[in-house]
Every structure is written in C-alpha cells, then in structure tokens.
C-alpha cells in the first residue's frame, strides 16, 4: 500500500517522498453510516505547495488541525484528522453523517432535502 501511495503522490504532485511510511489505519463513517477504513501515512516534506504542478485537483494547501473546522469537510473526515493529530473531537460538529449540520442532509448540496 505504501508503494501505491508513493506512486500516486509522484504522479499527481511530482513529489517523491522516500520516507513515506504507513502510520495507522483509522475508521471513518461513510455517508450510509457504514465504517470506512482509511490508511494514514506519514512523511516529511519541506516545500511550498503552491509550486507543485498538480495533475489532478486544483489546489494543495496545508492546514493546521485547529483551522480545519472552518473548511468544508465531512464530519467524519474532520474527526479523523483530529484523532490523527491527537486532538479532542471537534466541538460544534457532529461526528456522524447521520447528524448533518443544520440545513444539510449530508447527501446533497446544503439546504436541499431529498
């Protein structure tokens, strides 16, 4: 799995991180409520993400975990990042997609009900 992660990083960003190593396998919750296993890797890179030539996606940016509640992330992804960083679960956010933020269903655009 680490070789796959290295290859994808190289293909999608041009980064070659020989020190990339598996860190943990975490469980997040899928939109349907089922568990989803996520392999987390660790590596070090000292560079400016704005200088990377991305072949997929349009932006790469580093965020401190404390800032991430302001981003558009699924609650289970936000909770996973906090767990990985050794931080307490984010407050004010549900950690289960069964409890989406007010006005959101978790299945479509904000404010739309199925």
N, C-alpha and C. Protein backbone atom coordinates (compact mmCIF):
# COMPACT_ATOMS: atom_id res chain seq x y z
N UNK A 1 0.81 -1.18 0.00
CA UNK A 1 0.00 0.00 0.00
C UNK A 1 0.86 1.26 0.00
N UNK A 2 2.00 1.25 0.70
CA UNK A 2 2.88 2.42 0.73
C UNK A 2 3.41 2.72 -0.67
N UNK A 3 3.72 1.69 -1.44
CA UNK A 3 4.20 1.91 -2.81
C UNK A 3 3.13 2.59 -3.66
N UNK A 4 1.87 2.20 -3.46
CA UNK A 4 0.76 2.83 -4.19
C UNK A 4 0.66 4.30 -3.81
N UNK A 5 0.76 4.60 -2.53
CA UNK A 5 0.70 6.00 -2.08
C UNK A 5 1.87 6.80 -2.65
N UNK A 6 3.07 6.22 -2.64
CA UNK A 6 4.24 6.91 -3.23
C UNK A 6 4.03 7.18 -4.71
N UNK A 7 3.55 6.17 -5.42
CA UNK A 7 3.33 6.33 -6.87
C UNK A 7 2.29 7.42 -7.15
N UNK A 8 1.18 7.41 -6.39
CA UNK A 8 0.14 8.42 -6.60
C UNK A 8 0.65 9.82 -6.29
N UNK A 9 1.41 9.97 -5.22
CA UNK A 9 1.99 11.28 -4.91
C UNK A 9 2.90 11.75 -6.04
N UNK A 10 3.72 10.85 -6.55
CA UNK A 10 4.64 11.19 -7.64
C UNK A 10 3.87 11.58 -8.90
N UNK A 11 2.83 10.79 -9.25
CA UNK A 11 2.05 11.06 -10.45
C UNK A 11 1.23 12.34 -10.34
N UNK A 12 0.66 12.60 -9.17
CA UNK A 12 -0.28 13.71 -9.03
C UNK A 12 0.35 15.01 -8.57
N UNK A 13 1.56 14.94 -7.98
CA UNK A 13 2.18 16.16 -7.48
C UNK A 13 3.64 16.32 -7.90
N UNK A 14 4.25 15.25 -8.39
CA UNK A 14 5.68 15.29 -8.69
C UNK A 14 6.54 15.05 -7.46
N UNK A 15 5.93 14.86 -6.29
CA UNK A 15 6.69 14.63 -5.07
C UNK A 15 7.19 13.20 -5.00
N UNK A 16 8.44 13.04 -4.60
CA UNK A 16 8.99 11.73 -4.33
C UNK A 16 9.39 11.73 -2.86
N UNK A 17 8.63 11.03 -2.05
CA UNK A 17 8.85 11.01 -0.61
C UNK A 17 9.30 9.62 -0.19
N UNK A 18 10.60 9.35 -0.24
CA UNK A 18 11.06 8.01 0.11
C UNK A 18 10.78 7.64 1.56
N UNK A 19 10.61 8.62 2.44
CA UNK A 19 10.34 8.35 3.84
C UNK A 19 8.87 8.13 4.16
N UNK A 20 8.02 8.04 3.15
CA UNK A 20 6.59 7.82 3.36
C UNK A 20 6.39 6.44 3.98
N UNK A 21 5.72 6.42 5.12
CA UNK A 21 5.51 5.17 5.83
C UNK A 21 4.07 5.08 6.33
N UNK A 22 3.52 3.87 6.39
CA UNK A 22 2.19 3.71 6.99
C UNK A 22 2.23 4.17 8.45
N UNK A 23 1.21 4.87 8.87
CA UNK A 23 1.13 5.38 10.24
C UNK A 23 0.06 4.65 11.03
N UNK A 24 -1.14 4.57 10.45
CA UNK A 24 -2.25 3.93 11.15
C UNK A 24 -3.36 3.62 10.16
N UNK A 25 -4.25 2.74 10.56
CA UNK A 25 -5.49 2.52 9.84
C UNK A 25 -6.59 3.03 10.74
N UNK A 26 -7.35 3.97 10.24
CA UNK A 26 -8.42 4.60 11.01
C UNK A 26 -9.76 4.22 10.40
N UNK A 27 -10.80 4.39 11.17
CA UNK A 27 -12.15 4.12 10.69
C UNK A 27 -12.93 5.42 10.68
N UNK A 28 -13.49 5.74 9.54
CA UNK A 28 -14.41 6.88 9.42
C UNK A 28 -15.78 6.29 9.13
N UNK A 29 -16.77 7.15 9.09
CA UNK A 29 -18.13 6.70 8.83
C UNK A 29 -18.56 7.19 7.46
N UNK A 30 -18.99 6.26 6.60
CA UNK A 30 -19.46 6.61 5.27
C UNK A 30 -20.80 7.31 5.33
N UNK A 31 -21.21 7.92 4.24
CA UNK A 31 -22.48 8.63 4.18
C UNK A 31 -23.67 7.73 4.48
N UNK A 32 -23.49 6.43 4.22
CA UNK A 32 -24.58 5.50 4.50
C UNK A 32 -24.51 4.94 5.93
N UNK A 33 -23.55 5.45 6.73
CA UNK A 33 -23.41 5.00 8.12
C UNK A 33 -22.49 3.82 8.29
N UNK A 34 -21.98 3.26 7.21
CA UNK A 34 -21.10 2.09 7.33
C UNK A 34 -19.67 2.54 7.61
N UNK A 35 -18.88 1.67 8.27
CA UNK A 35 -17.48 2.02 8.55
C UNK A 35 -16.64 1.98 7.27
N UNK A 36 -15.71 2.92 7.16
CA UNK A 36 -14.80 3.01 6.03
C UNK A 36 -13.38 3.03 6.58
N UNK A 37 -12.57 2.06 6.19
CA UNK A 37 -11.17 2.03 6.65
C UNK A 37 -10.34 3.00 5.82
N UNK A 38 -9.50 3.79 6.49
CA UNK A 38 -8.65 4.77 5.83
C UNK A 38 -7.22 4.54 6.30
N UNK A 39 -6.32 4.29 5.34
CA UNK A 39 -4.90 4.13 5.66
C UNK A 39 -4.27 5.52 5.74
N UNK A 40 -3.65 5.84 6.86
CA UNK A 40 -2.99 7.12 7.07
C UNK A 40 -1.49 6.90 6.96
N UNK A 41 -0.82 7.79 6.20
CA UNK A 41 0.63 7.70 6.03
C UNK A 41 1.28 8.93 6.65
N UNK A 42 2.55 8.81 6.91
CA UNK A 42 3.32 9.94 7.43
C UNK A 42 4.58 10.10 6.60
N UNK A 43 5.01 11.34 6.42
CA UNK A 43 6.24 11.66 5.71
C UNK A 43 6.58 13.11 6.02
N UNK A 44 7.77 13.51 5.68
CA UNK A 44 8.18 14.90 5.84
C UNK A 44 8.52 15.47 4.48
N UNK A 45 8.09 16.72 4.30
CA UNK A 45 8.42 17.46 3.08
C UNK A 45 8.52 18.91 3.46
N UNK A 46 9.56 19.56 3.03
CA UNK A 46 9.75 20.97 3.31
C UNK A 46 9.72 21.70 1.97
N UNK A 47 8.56 22.26 1.66
CA UNK A 47 8.41 22.95 0.40
C UNK A 47 7.16 23.80 0.38
N UNK A 48 6.95 24.46 -0.71
CA UNK A 48 5.78 25.33 -0.88
C UNK A 48 4.78 24.61 -1.78
N UNK A 49 3.60 24.25 -1.26
CA UNK A 49 2.63 23.54 -2.09
C UNK A 49 2.18 24.34 -3.31
N UNK A 50 2.31 25.65 -3.27
CA UNK A 50 1.92 26.48 -4.42
C UNK A 50 2.83 26.26 -5.62
N UNK A 51 4.02 25.69 -5.41
CA UNK A 51 4.95 25.46 -6.51
C UNK A 51 4.78 24.10 -7.17
N UNK A 52 3.92 23.26 -6.60
CA UNK A 52 3.73 21.92 -7.17
C UNK A 52 2.88 21.99 -8.43
N UNK A 53 3.25 21.18 -9.40
CA UNK A 53 2.43 21.05 -10.61
C UNK A 53 1.47 19.89 -10.38
N UNK A 54 0.20 20.23 -10.11
CA UNK A 54 -0.79 19.21 -9.81
C UNK A 54 -1.40 18.68 -11.10
N UNK A 55 -1.45 17.36 -11.22
CA UNK A 55 -2.06 16.77 -12.41
C UNK A 55 -3.52 16.39 -12.17
N UNK A 56 -3.93 16.33 -10.91
CA UNK A 56 -5.33 16.10 -10.54
C UNK A 56 -5.65 17.10 -9.45
N UNK A 57 -6.86 17.60 -9.45
CA UNK A 57 -7.22 18.62 -8.46
C UNK A 57 -6.69 19.97 -8.89
N UNK A 58 -7.03 20.97 -8.12
CA UNK A 58 -6.62 22.33 -8.49
C UNK A 58 -5.84 23.03 -7.40
N UNK A 59 -5.80 22.47 -6.19
CA UNK A 59 -5.16 23.16 -5.09
C UNK A 59 -4.67 22.18 -4.06
N UNK A 60 -3.49 22.45 -3.55
CA UNK A 60 -2.96 21.71 -2.42
C UNK A 60 -2.53 22.76 -1.40
N UNK A 61 -2.97 22.60 -0.18
CA UNK A 61 -2.64 23.56 0.87
C UNK A 61 -2.57 22.83 2.20
N UNK A 62 -1.65 23.24 3.05
CA UNK A 62 -1.54 22.65 4.38
C UNK A 62 -2.40 23.47 5.34
N UNK A 63 -3.09 22.79 6.22
CA UNK A 63 -3.90 23.43 7.25
C UNK A 63 -3.58 22.82 8.60
N UNK A 64 -3.49 23.65 9.61
CA UNK A 64 -3.36 23.15 10.97
C UNK A 64 -4.70 22.54 11.37
N UNK A 65 -4.69 21.45 12.13
CA UNK A 65 -5.96 20.81 12.51
C UNK A 65 -6.94 21.76 13.20
N UNK A 66 -6.44 22.73 13.95
CA UNK A 66 -7.31 23.65 14.66
C UNK A 66 -8.13 24.54 13.71
N UNK A 67 -7.64 24.72 12.48
CA UNK A 67 -8.31 25.57 11.50
C UNK A 67 -9.34 24.78 10.69
N UNK A 68 -9.21 23.48 10.67
CA UNK A 68 -10.00 22.65 9.78
C UNK A 68 -11.51 22.67 10.00
N UNK A 69 -12.02 22.97 11.20
CA UNK A 69 -13.49 23.06 11.33
C UNK A 69 -14.11 24.12 10.42
N UNK A 70 -13.31 25.08 9.97
CA UNK A 70 -13.83 26.12 9.07
C UNK A 70 -13.88 25.66 7.61
N UNK A 71 -13.30 24.52 7.31
CA UNK A 71 -13.28 24.01 5.94
C UNK A 71 -14.51 23.15 5.67
N UNK A 72 -14.79 22.94 4.40
CA UNK A 72 -15.92 22.08 4.02
C UNK A 72 -15.45 20.63 3.99
N UNK A 73 -15.55 19.97 5.12
CA UNK A 73 -15.17 18.58 5.25
C UNK A 73 -16.35 17.80 5.80
N UNK A 74 -16.39 16.53 5.49
CA UNK A 74 -17.40 15.71 6.15
C UNK A 74 -17.04 15.64 7.63
N UNK A 75 -18.03 15.54 8.49
CA UNK A 75 -17.73 15.44 9.92
C UNK A 75 -16.80 14.29 10.26
N UNK A 76 -16.94 13.14 9.58
CA UNK A 76 -16.07 12.00 9.92
C UNK A 76 -14.63 12.27 9.49
N UNK A 77 -14.40 13.02 8.40
CA UNK A 77 -13.04 13.36 7.99
C UNK A 77 -12.42 14.32 8.99
N UNK A 78 -13.17 15.31 9.42
CA UNK A 78 -12.68 16.26 10.41
C UNK A 78 -12.33 15.54 11.71
N UNK A 79 -13.18 14.62 12.13
CA UNK A 79 -12.93 13.87 13.36
C UNK A 79 -11.69 13.01 13.20
N UNK A 80 -11.49 12.41 12.02
CA UNK A 80 -10.32 11.58 11.74
C UNK A 80 -9.05 12.41 11.83
N UNK A 81 -9.03 13.60 11.26
CA UNK A 81 -7.85 14.46 11.32
C UNK A 81 -7.53 14.82 12.77
N UNK A 82 -8.55 15.15 13.54
CA UNK A 82 -8.33 15.48 14.95
C UNK A 82 -7.78 14.28 15.71
N UNK A 83 -8.32 13.10 15.45
CA UNK A 83 -7.83 11.88 16.12
C UNK A 83 -6.37 11.64 15.75
N UNK A 84 -6.04 11.77 14.48
CA UNK A 84 -4.69 11.54 13.99
C UNK A 84 -3.71 12.54 14.63
N UNK A 85 -4.16 13.78 14.84
CA UNK A 85 -3.31 14.81 15.44
C UNK A 85 -3.28 14.74 16.96
N UNK A 86 -4.04 13.80 17.55
CA UNK A 86 -4.08 13.68 18.99
C UNK A 86 -4.87 14.78 19.67
N UNK A 87 -5.80 15.39 18.94
CA UNK A 87 -6.64 16.46 19.48
C UNK A 87 -7.99 15.89 19.88
N UNK A 88 -8.69 16.58 20.79
CA UNK A 88 -10.04 16.13 21.13
C UNK A 88 -10.97 16.29 19.93
N UNK A 89 -12.06 15.56 19.94
CA UNK A 89 -13.04 15.67 18.85
C UNK A 89 -13.46 17.12 18.71
N UNK A 90 -13.65 17.58 17.46
CA UNK A 90 -14.06 18.97 17.25
C UNK A 90 -15.41 19.24 17.91
N UNK A 91 -15.55 20.42 18.48
CA UNK A 91 -16.81 20.77 19.13
C UNK A 91 -17.71 21.49 18.15
N UNK A 92 -19.01 21.33 18.35
CA UNK A 92 -19.96 22.01 17.49
C UNK A 92 -20.20 21.31 16.17
N UNK A 93 -19.55 20.18 15.95
CA UNK A 93 -19.73 19.44 14.70
C UNK A 93 -20.18 18.04 15.06
N UNK A 94 -21.13 17.51 14.36
CA UNK A 94 -21.45 16.09 14.58
C UNK A 94 -20.32 15.25 14.02
N UNK A 95 -20.07 14.10 14.60
CA UNK A 95 -19.04 13.22 14.08
C UNK A 95 -19.65 12.06 13.32
N UNK A 96 -20.94 12.10 13.11
CA UNK A 96 -21.62 11.06 12.36
C UNK A 96 -22.42 11.70 11.24
N UNK A 97 -22.36 11.14 10.02
CA UNK A 97 -23.14 11.73 8.93
C UNK A 97 -24.64 11.60 9.16
N UNK A 98 -25.05 10.84 10.16
CA UNK A 98 -26.49 10.75 10.46
C UNK A 98 -26.98 12.03 11.11
N UNK A 99 -26.06 12.89 11.55
CA UNK A 99 -26.42 14.15 12.19
C UNK A 99 -25.76 15.30 11.45
N UNK A 100 -26.16 15.60 10.20
CA UNK A 100 -25.50 16.67 9.45
C UNK A 100 -25.80 18.03 10.07
N UNK A 101 -24.95 19.03 9.76
CA UNK A 101 -25.20 20.37 10.27
C UNK A 101 -26.59 20.85 9.87
N UNK A 102 -27.14 21.75 10.65
CA UNK A 102 -28.49 22.27 10.39
C UNK A 102 -28.61 22.73 8.94
N UNK A 103 -29.69 22.33 8.29
CA UNK A 103 -29.93 22.73 6.90
C UNK A 103 -29.27 21.86 5.87
N UNK A 104 -28.48 20.86 6.30
CA UNK A 104 -27.81 19.98 5.35
C UNK A 104 -28.28 18.55 5.56
N UNK A 105 -28.37 17.80 4.48
CA UNK A 105 -28.79 16.41 4.57
C UNK A 105 -27.61 15.46 4.63
N UNK A 106 -26.43 15.91 4.20
CA UNK A 106 -25.28 15.05 4.11
C UNK A 106 -25.28 14.25 2.83
N UNK A 107 -26.35 14.34 2.03
CA UNK A 107 -26.43 13.55 0.79
C UNK A 107 -26.45 14.42 -0.45
N UNK A 108 -26.55 15.70 -0.31
CA UNK A 108 -26.61 16.57 -1.48
C UNK A 108 -26.16 17.96 -1.12
N UNK A 109 -26.40 18.93 -1.97
CA UNK A 109 -26.00 20.29 -1.68
C UNK A 109 -26.66 20.81 -0.41
N UNK A 110 -25.94 21.71 0.34
CA UNK A 110 -26.51 22.25 1.57
C UNK A 110 -27.88 22.84 1.36
N UNK A 111 -28.76 22.59 2.33
CA UNK A 111 -30.09 23.19 2.31
C UNK A 111 -31.12 22.43 1.51
N UNK A 112 -30.72 21.39 0.77
CA UNK A 112 -31.68 20.62 -0.03
C UNK A 112 -32.05 19.37 0.72
N UNK A 113 -33.29 19.08 0.78
CA UNK A 113 -33.78 17.84 1.39
C UNK A 113 -34.22 16.89 0.28
N UNK A 114 -33.92 15.60 0.46
CA UNK A 114 -34.32 14.64 -0.59
C UNK A 114 -35.82 14.47 -0.66
